[in-house]
């Protein structure tokens, strides 16, 4: 499926029209991959590809582009300013593009981003619910429908009491795509709550340990092979097969991990303590509310970025944020042992990012290692 609109150009034209420019790298250290760059991101990315040899080198991308709101954001509009007052009333950025003009603006940058991404790379694009469905079609076109991984709903705030003829909006969306089927994935888990344990593990054994049971068979008939054979004098139900071969089923019974119903149906015991150790699979609704005292308009939750970076990259990988704003992606990457590149065309965004990075140990803005802003990720 393709989205057709006025002003849409070919990918070849996008790459040819982007310019190679001298980069304004704020932190100058030739021995480091880490770069905070002031400039128009499409030209910066073309330069990183052509002059810096970074084509296919970026392992993870997170971007939080403008949301097509028609607003001008000022640092002085913040409820509480946590950065130096010297630039507190200046414009952070202007979000003036709308409709097809905005979609093409974003598409052009995604084309260059894809070229920078490695074969194991993923991209998380943070966008607003009003325009996000159009953006998904563009991402399907660029990255491939088969490489769509998730549409994550991010709860961003508490419910508001706005008087309007619609439902209240407390979420935005994060579109998660990979460049190929072989992408980095660290299977993030979260702890089970007490309510989870009581709901999922309702049975108690003779020692008071919580457990539940699951069938010993699975869909799909297997006529050949051990999982289709008799066990304890019975075949698996029609159209199904044993989950394990009879030898393994015997071992489970010896360990006391099979429970027989009154009707003689065997089921495997699953103990809560075993599942608790593994953690609960993270779902696609996340509650990461934004700070009420941000350093920069639209500054995102630090724990949100820690989760994304931990899930889809490894220590030493290179993370790109082409709309870095307040630098949250860079701060999180630094604290988690990743390399990073941040790009923004706003001088104030660069100032805020630099100030925040200067407080993180090991950055090129902090000559003395004083302290770390981040602890090890907890998800």
Foldseek 3Di string as FASTA:
>chain_A
DADDDPPADDLVVLLVPQAADDWDWPQDDPVAPFTETADQLSNVLSNCVPPVVQFQAAAEEEEEDQALPQAWDAQLVAPAAPDDPPRNGPTLGGNHDDDPRVLNVVLSNVSSVLRNHHQQHKYKYWYFPVCVVVNVNSCCVRQNPVFWDDWFWEQADDFDPDDDDDDTDRTGIITMGHNYPNYFFPQDFAADDPVNQCVAFVDQDPVRFTKDWAAQKDAAADPDDQQQDDAPRDGPPPRITGPDGNVVVVVQVVVVQWDADPVGGIIGIDTPVVDRVVHHGDDRYHYFYADSHDNFPPDGHLLVLLVVCVGGHAAAGEYEYADCQLNSNVLSCVLRRYHYYYYHNGPVSSVNNLVVVCPAAPDSSPPDGDDHPDDRRDD
